[in-house]
Amino acid sequence: MGEIIKYLELKTCLNYTLLGVAITTFGVVLGLHAYSEVGGVPGIILLGGGIVAFLIFAGFALVTLYQIHAFKSR
């Protein structure tokens, strides 16, 4: 039973990371497009938003990894 829980937690961690990468890629592409079309602040805001979203999801992934490590060491 413990192995199943570890696998599901690891899969959740991977899903958060992949979602973060997808959102970052979308934010960067959208930011670059807005910067080339409009220029200036809107492109930079969207680019920064994509990077911040990735950092949030990477934080979720790190917390999940820490939980898995704590669960294993019990």
PDB file of N, CA and C in Angstrom:
ATOM      1  N   MET A   1       0.827  -1.201   0.000  1.00  0.00           N
ATOM      2  CA  MET A   1       0.000   0.000   0.000  1.00  0.00           C
ATOM      3  C   MET A   1       0.868   1.260   0.000  1.00  0.00           C
ATOM      4  N   GLY A   2       1.964   1.218   0.753  1.00  0.00           N
ATOM      5  CA  GLY A   2       2.849   2.377   0.821  1.00  0.00           C
ATOM      6  C   GLY A   2       3.465   2.713  -0.521  1.00  0.00           C
ATOM      7  N   GLU A   3       3.765   1.681  -1.310  1.00  0.00           N
ATOM      8  CA  GLU A   3       4.360   1.911  -2.626  1.00  0.00           C
ATOM      9  C   GLU A   3       3.389   2.634  -3.560  1.00  0.00           C
ATOM     10  N   ILE A   4       2.101   2.275  -3.455  1.00  0.00           N
ATOM     11  CA  ILE A   4       1.083   2.922  -4.292  1.00  0.00           C
ATOM     12  C   ILE A   4       0.988   4.406  -3.945  1.00  0.00           C
ATOM     13  N   ILE A   5       1.002   4.710  -2.655  1.00  0.00           N
ATOM     14  CA  ILE A   5       0.915   6.104  -2.223  1.00  0.00           C
ATOM     15  C   ILE A   5       2.129   6.886  -2.714  1.00  0.00           C
ATOM     16  N   LYS A   6       3.330   6.292  -2.593  1.00  0.00           N
ATOM     17  CA  LYS A   6       4.545   6.970  -3.067  1.00  0.00           C
ATOM     18  C   LYS A   6       4.459   7.232  -4.572  1.00  0.00           C
ATOM     19  N   TYR A   7       3.969   6.229  -5.314  1.00  0.00           N
ATOM     20  CA  TYR A   7       3.857   6.392  -6.766  1.00  0.00           C
ATOM     21  C   TYR A   7       2.892   7.518  -7.113  1.00  0.00           C
ATOM     22  N   LEU A   8       1.742   7.564  -6.438  1.00  0.00           N
ATOM     23  CA  LEU A   8       0.760   8.607  -6.727  1.00  0.00           C
ATOM     24  C   LEU A   8       1.291   9.991  -6.374  1.00  0.00           C
ATOM     25  N   GLU A   9       2.036  10.103  -5.264  1.00  0.00           N
ATOM     26  CA  GLU A   9       2.603  11.389  -4.886  1.00  0.00           C
ATOM     27  C   GLU A   9       3.662  11.825  -5.892  1.00  0.00           C
ATOM     28  N   LEU A  10       4.466  10.886  -6.349  1.00  0.00           N
ATOM     29  CA  LEU A  10       5.483  11.208  -7.340  1.00  0.00           C
ATOM     30  C   LEU A  10       4.840  11.638  -8.656  1.00  0.00           C
ATOM     31  N   LYS A  11       3.755  10.943  -9.032  1.00  0.00           N
ATOM     32  CA  LYS A  11       3.048  11.291 -10.263  1.00  0.00           C
ATOM     33  C   LYS A  11       2.428  12.689 -10.140  1.00  0.00           C
ATOM     34  N   THR A  12       1.885  13.012  -8.971  1.00  0.00           N
ATOM     35  CA  THR A  12       1.326  14.344  -8.739  1.00  0.00           C
ATOM     36  C   THR A  12       2.406  15.407  -8.872  1.00  0.00           C
ATOM     37  N   CYS A  13       3.567  15.133  -8.306  1.00  0.00           N
ATOM     38  CA  CYS A  13       4.692  16.057  -8.387  1.00  0.00           C
ATOM     39  C   CYS A  13       5.086  16.291  -9.843  1.00  0.00           C
ATOM     40  N   LEU A  14       5.168  15.209 -10.609  1.00  0.00           N
ATOM     41  CA  LEU A  14       5.533  15.312 -12.016  1.00  0.00           C
ATOM     42  C   LEU A  14       4.482  16.103 -12.792  1.00  0.00           C
ATOM     43  N   ASN A  15       3.210  15.868 -12.477  1.00  0.00           N
ATOM     44  CA  ASN A  15       2.138  16.604 -13.164  1.00  0.00           C
ATOM     45  C   ASN A  15       2.220  18.098 -12.879  1.00  0.00           C
ATOM     46  N   TYR A  16       2.478  18.474 -11.620  1.00  0.00           N
ATOM     47  CA  TYR A  16       2.622  19.898 -11.283  1.00  0.00           C
ATOM     48  C   TYR A  16       3.781  20.515 -12.052  1.00  0.00           C
ATOM     49  N   THR A  17       4.905  19.782 -12.121  1.00  0.00           N
ATOM     50  CA  THR A  17       6.071  20.318 -12.821  1.00  0.00           C
ATOM     51  C   THR A  17       5.784  20.492 -14.307  1.00  0.00           C
ATOM     52  N   LEU A  18       5.151  19.489 -14.921  1.00  0.00           N
ATOM     53  CA  LEU A  18       4.839  19.581 -16.351  1.00  0.00           C
ATOM     54  C   LEU A  18       3.842  20.699 -16.623  1.00  0.00           C
ATOM     55  N   LEU A  19       2.865  20.852 -15.735  1.00  0.00           N
ATOM     56  CA  LEU A  19       1.902  21.946 -15.889  1.00  0.00           C
ATOM     57  C   LEU A  19       2.608  23.301 -15.778  1.00  0.00           C
ATOM     58  N   GLY A  20       3.556  23.391 -14.843  1.00  0.00           N
ATOM     59  CA  GLY A  20       4.329  24.624 -14.703  1.00  0.00           C
ATOM     60  C   GLY A  20       5.143  24.930 -15.945  1.00  0.00           C
ATOM     61  N   VAL A  21       5.757  23.895 -16.532  1.00  0.00           N
ATOM     62  CA  VAL A  21       6.537  24.093 -17.761  1.00  0.00           C
ATOM     63  C   VAL A  21       5.626  24.538 -18.899  1.00  0.00           C
ATOM     64  N   ALA A  22       4.440  23.932 -19.004  1.00  0.00           N
ATOM     65  CA  ALA A  22       3.504  24.311 -20.069  1.00  0.00           C
ATOM     66  C   ALA A  22       3.051  25.761 -19.901  1.00  0.00           C
ATOM     67  N   ILE A  23       2.719  26.148 -18.683  1.00  0.00           N
ATOM     68  CA  ILE A  23       2.266  27.520 -18.441  1.00  0.00           C
ATOM     69  C   ILE A  23       3.398  28.506 -18.705  1.00  0.00           C
ATOM     70  N   THR A  24       4.622  28.128 -18.308  1.00  0.00           N
ATOM     71  CA  THR A  24       5.759  29.007 -18.562  1.00  0.00           C
ATOM     72  C   THR A  24       5.989  29.189 -20.051  1.00  0.00           C
ATOM     73  N   THR A  25       5.941  28.074 -20.795  1.00  0.00           N
ATOM     74  CA  THR A  25       6.138  28.153 -22.244  1.00  0.00           C
ATOM     75  C   THR A  25       5.074  29.040 -22.882  1.00  0.00           C
ATOM     76  N   PHE A  26       3.825  28.841 -22.482  1.00  0.00           N
ATOM     77  CA  PHE A  26       2.733  29.662 -23.001  1.00  0.00           C
ATOM     78  C   PHE A  26       2.949  31.130 -22.651  1.00  0.00           C
ATOM     79  N   GLY A  27       3.334  31.394 -21.393  1.00  0.00           N
ATOM     80  CA  GLY A  27       3.560  32.779 -20.963  1.00  0.00           C
ATOM     81  C   GLY A  27       4.701  33.435 -21.715  1.00  0.00           C
ATOM     82  N   VAL A  28       5.783  32.672 -21.943  1.00  0.00           N
ATOM     83  CA  VAL A  28       6.938  33.238 -22.656  1.00  0.00           C
ATOM     84  C   VAL A  28       6.569  33.529 -24.111  1.00  0.00           C
ATOM     85  N   VAL A  29       5.895  32.573 -24.767  1.00  0.00           N
ATOM     86  CA  VAL A  29       5.510  32.783 -26.170  1.00  0.00           C
ATOM     87  C   VAL A  29       4.533  33.954 -26.286  1.00  0.00           C
ATOM     88  N   LEU A  30       3.541  33.985 -25.395  1.00  0.00           N
ATOM     89  CA  LEU A  30       2.574  35.080 -25.417  1.00  0.00           C
ATOM     90  C   LEU A  30       3.261  36.407 -25.114  1.00  0.00           C
ATOM     91  N   GLY A  31       4.198  36.389 -24.154  1.00  0.00           N
ATOM     92  CA  GLY A  31       4.924  37.604 -23.808  1.00  0.00           C
ATOM     93  C   GLY A  31       5.769  38.112 -24.956  1.00  0.00           C
ATOM     94  N   LEU A  32       6.475  37.197 -25.635  1.00  0.00           N
ATOM     95  CA  LEU A  32       7.297  37.605 -26.775  1.00  0.00           C
ATOM     96  C   LEU A  32       6.439  38.137 -27.919  1.00  0.00           C
ATOM     97  N   HIS A  33       5.289  37.497 -28.126  1.00  0.00           N
ATOM     98  CA  HIS A  33       4.377  37.971 -29.176  1.00  0.00           C
ATOM     99  C   HIS A  33       3.851  39.366 -28.835  1.00  0.00           C
ATOM    100  N   ALA A  34       3.406  39.542 -27.585  1.00  0.00           N
ATOM    101  CA  ALA A  34       2.885  40.850 -27.182  1.00  0.00           C
ATOM    102  C   ALA A  34       3.988  41.904 -27.252  1.00  0.00           C
ATOM    103  N   TYR A  35       5.205  41.510 -26.903  1.00  0.00           N
ATOM    104  CA  TYR A  35       6.320  42.472 -26.943  1.00  0.00           C
ATOM    105  C   TYR A  35       6.636  42.878 -28.378  1.00  0.00           C
ATOM    106  N   SER A  36       6.561  41.905 -29.312  1.00  0.00           N
ATOM    107  CA  SER A  36       6.861  42.244 -30.697  1.00  0.00           C
ATOM    108  C   SER A  36       5.728  43.045 -31.338  1.00  0.00           C
ATOM    109  N   GLU A  37       4.481  42.775 -30.937  1.00  0.00           N
ATOM    110  CA  GLU A  37       3.330  43.496 -31.517  1.00  0.00           C
ATOM    111  C   GLU A  37       3.151  44.879 -30.884  1.00  0.00           C
ATOM    112  N   VAL A  38       3.105  44.890 -29.568  1.00  0.00           N
ATOM    113  CA  VAL A  38       2.779  46.136 -28.863  1.00  0.00           C
ATOM    114  C   VAL A  38       4.052  46.818 -28.377  1.00  0.00           C
ATOM    115  N   GLY A  39       4.985  46.001 -27.857  1.00  0.00           N
ATOM    116  CA  GLY A  39       6.210  46.549 -27.307  1.00  0.00           C
ATOM    117  C   GLY A  39       6.018  47.004 -25.874  1.00  0.00           C
ATOM    118  N   GLY A  40       7.097  47.050 -25.175  1.00  0.00           N
ATOM    119  CA  GLY A  40       7.079  47.622 -23.834  1.00  0.00           C
ATOM    120  C   GLY A  40       6.472  46.770 -22.759  1.00  0.00           C
ATOM    121  N   VAL A  41       5.666  47.414 -21.925  1.00  0.00           N
ATOM    122  CA  VAL A  41       5.227  46.849 -20.657  1.00  0.00           C
ATOM    123  C   VAL A  41       4.343  45.596 -20.784  1.00  0.00           C
ATOM    124  N   PRO A  42       3.337  45.531 -21.675  1.00  0.00           N
ATOM    125  CA  PRO A  42       2.481  44.339 -21.700  1.00  0.00           C
ATOM    126  C   PRO A  42       3.252  43.043 -21.947  1.00  0.00           C
ATOM    127  N   GLY A  43       4.205  43.079 -22.848  1.00  0.00           N
ATOM    128  CA  GLY A  43       5.006  41.884 -23.110  1.00  0.00           C
ATOM    129  C   GLY A  43       5.818  41.475 -21.902  1.00  0.00           C
ATOM    130  N   ILE A  44       6.396  42.433 -21.227  1.00  0.00           N
ATOM    131  CA  ILE A  44       7.206  42.131 -20.042  1.00  0.00           C
ATOM    132  C   ILE A  44       6.328  41.578 -18.926  1.00  0.00           C
ATOM    133  N   ILE A  45       5.124  42.115 -18.769  1.00  0.00           N
ATOM    134  CA  ILE A  45       4.206  41.625 -17.730  1.00  0.00           C
ATOM    135  C   ILE A  45       3.829  40.168 -18.010  1.00  0.00           C
ATOM    136  N   LEU A  46       3.473  39.846 -19.261  1.00  0.00           N
ATOM    137  CA  LEU A  46       3.090  38.475 -19.588  1.00  0.00           C
ATOM    138  C   LEU A  46       4.270  37.518 -19.446  1.00  0.00           C
ATOM    139  N   LEU A  47       5.445  37.964 -19.848  1.00  0.00           N
ATOM    140  CA  LEU A  47       6.646  37.145 -19.710  1.00  0.00           C
ATOM    141  C   LEU A  47       6.917  36.866 -18.229  1.00  0.00           C
ATOM    142  N   GLY A  48       6.837  37.893 -17.417  1.00  0.00           N
ATOM    143  CA  GLY A  48       7.033  37.725 -15.971  1.00  0.00           C
ATOM    144  C   GLY A  48       5.962  36.840 -15.353  1.00  0.00           C
ATOM    145  N   GLY A  49       4.719  36.955 -15.842  1.00  0.00           N
ATOM    146  CA  GLY A  49       3.634  36.120 -15.328  1.00  0.00           C
ATOM    147  C   GLY A  49       3.877  34.647 -15.600  1.00  0.00           C
ATOM    148  N   GLY A  50       4.392  34.328 -16.778  1.00  0.00           N
ATOM    149  CA  GLY A  50       4.705  32.937 -17.100  1.00  0.00           C
ATOM    150  C   GLY A  50       5.791  32.388 -16.200  1.00  0.00           C
ATOM    151  N   ILE A  51       6.811  33.194 -15.945  1.00  0.00           N
ATOM    152  CA  ILE A  51       7.908  32.742 -15.088  1.00  0.00           C
ATOM    153  C   ILE A  51       7.434  32.578 -13.647  1.00  0.00           C
ATOM    154  N   VAL A  52       6.610  33.499 -13.154  1.00  0.00           N
ATOM    155  CA  VAL A  52       6.078  33.389 -11.792  1.00  0.00           C
ATOM    156  C   VAL A  52       5.203  32.149 -11.657  1.00  0.00           C
ATOM    157  N   ALA A  53       4.386  31.857 -12.680  1.00  0.00           N
ATOM    158  CA  ALA A  53       3.548  30.657 -12.635  1.00  0.00           C
ATOM    159  C   ALA A  53       4.416  29.410 -12.542  1.00  0.00           C
ATOM    160  N   PHE A  54       5.514  29.375 -13.308  1.00  0.00           N
ATOM    161  CA  PHE A  54       6.404  28.223 -13.233  1.00  0.00           C
ATOM    162  C   PHE A  54       7.004  28.093 -11.842  1.00  0.00           C
ATOM    163  N   LEU A  55       7.405  29.197 -11.230  1.00  0.00           N
ATOM    164  CA  LEU A  55       7.999  29.139  -9.898  1.00  0.00           C
ATOM    165  C   LEU A  55       6.995  28.621  -8.872  1.00  0.00           C
ATOM    166  N   ILE A  56       5.733  29.012  -9.018  1.00  0.00           N
ATOM    167  CA  ILE A  56       4.698  28.526  -8.100  1.00  0.00           C
ATOM    168  C   ILE A  56       4.541  27.010  -8.233  1.00  0.00           C
ATOM    169  N   PHE A  57       4.440  26.529  -9.483  1.00  0.00           N
ATOM    170  CA  PHE A  57       4.255  25.095  -9.678  1.00  0.00           C
ATOM    171  C   PHE A  57       5.511  24.314  -9.313  1.00  0.00           C
ATOM    172  N   ALA A  58       6.689  24.895  -9.539  1.00  0.00           N
ATOM    173  CA  ALA A  58       7.921  24.236  -9.118  1.00  0.00           C
ATOM    174  C   ALA A  58       7.967  24.154  -7.595  1.00  0.00           C
ATOM    175  N   GLY A  59       7.446  25.167  -6.914  1.00  0.00           N
ATOM    176  CA  GLY A  59       7.356  25.116  -5.451  1.00  0.00           C
ATOM    177  C   GLY A  59       6.444  23.994  -4.988  1.00  0.00           C
ATOM    178  N   PHE A  60       5.293  23.828  -5.643  1.00  0.00           N
ATOM    179  CA  PHE A  60       4.408  22.702  -5.322  1.00  0.00           C
ATOM    180  C   PHE A  60       5.134  21.376  -5.504  1.00  0.00           C
ATOM    181  N   ALA A  61       5.895  21.263  -6.596  1.00  0.00           N
ATOM    182  CA  ALA A  61       6.615  20.025  -6.872  1.00  0.00           C
ATOM    183  C   ALA A  61       7.660  19.757  -5.796  1.00  0.00           C
ATOM    184  N   LEU A  62       8.374  20.787  -5.360  1.00  0.00           N
ATOM    185  CA  LEU A  62       9.386  20.601  -4.315  1.00  0.00           C
ATOM    186  C   LEU A  62       8.752  20.202  -2.992  1.00  0.00           C
ATOM    187  N   VAL A  63       7.615  20.800  -2.659  1.00  0.00           N
ATOM    188  CA  VAL A  63       6.912  20.422  -1.429  1.00  0.00           C
ATOM    189  C   VAL A  63       6.475  18.960  -1.499  1.00  0.00           C
ATOM    190  N   THR A  64       5.978  18.538  -2.664  1.00  0.00           N
ATOM    191  CA  THR A  64       5.563  17.146  -2.823  1.00  0.00           C
ATOM    192  C   THR A  64       6.748  16.212  -2.677  1.00  0.00           C
ATOM    193  N   LEU A  65       7.886  16.567  -3.264  1.00  0.00           N
ATOM    194  CA  LEU A  65       9.086  15.739  -3.118  1.00  0.00           C
ATOM    195  C   LEU A  65       9.518  15.657  -1.659  1.00  0.00           C
ATOM    196  N   TYR A  66       9.426  16.769  -0.941  1.00  0.00           N
ATOM    197  CA  TYR A  66       9.775  16.758   0.475  1.00  0.00           C
ATOM    198  C   TYR A  66       8.831  15.847   1.261  1.00  0.00           C
ATOM    199  N   GLN A  67       7.542  15.882   0.915  1.00  0.00           N
ATOM    200  CA  GLN A  67       6.583  15.011   1.591  1.00  0.00           C
ATOM    201  C   GLN A  67       6.889  13.543   1.329  1.00  0.00           C
ATOM    202  N   ILE A  68       7.283  13.236   0.093  1.00  0.00           N
ATOM    203  CA  ILE A  68       7.643  11.849  -0.240  1.00  0.00           C
ATOM    204  C   ILE A  68       8.864  11.427   0.573  1.00  0.00           C
ATOM    205  N   HIS A  69       9.846  12.313   0.673  1.00  0.00           N
ATOM    206  CA  HIS A  69      11.050  11.995   1.444  1.00  0.00           C
ATOM    207  C   HIS A  69      10.705  11.772   2.916  1.00  0.00           C
ATOM    208  N   ALA A  70       9.844  12.639   3.468  1.00  0.00           N
ATOM    209  CA  ALA A  70       9.436  12.487   4.869  1.00  0.00           C
ATOM    210  C   ALA A  70       8.642  11.200   5.065  1.00  0.00           C
ATOM    211  N   PHE A  71       7.833  10.836   4.083  1.00  0.00           N
ATOM    212  CA  PHE A  71       7.033   9.624   4.178  1.00  0.00           C
ATOM    213  C   PHE A  71       7.932   8.386   4.156  1.00  0.00           C
ATOM    214  N   LYS A  72       8.971   8.431   3.316  1.00  0.00           N
ATOM    215  CA  LYS A  72       9.897   7.294   3.223  1.00  0.00           C
ATOM    216  C   LYS A  72      10.697   7.108   4.506  1.00  0.00           C
ATOM    217  N   SER A  73      11.046   8.212   5.153  1.00  0.00           N
ATOM    218  CA  SER A  73      11.917   8.122   6.325  1.00  0.00           C
ATOM    219  C   SER A  73      11.167   7.766   7.606  1.00  0.00           C
ATOM    220  N   ARG A  74       9.849   7.585   7.547  1.00  0.00           N
ATOM    221  CA  ARG A  74       9.075   7.182   8.729  1.00  0.00           C
ATOM    222  C   ARG A  74       9.364   5.766   9.112  1.00  0.00           C
TER     223      ARG A  74
END
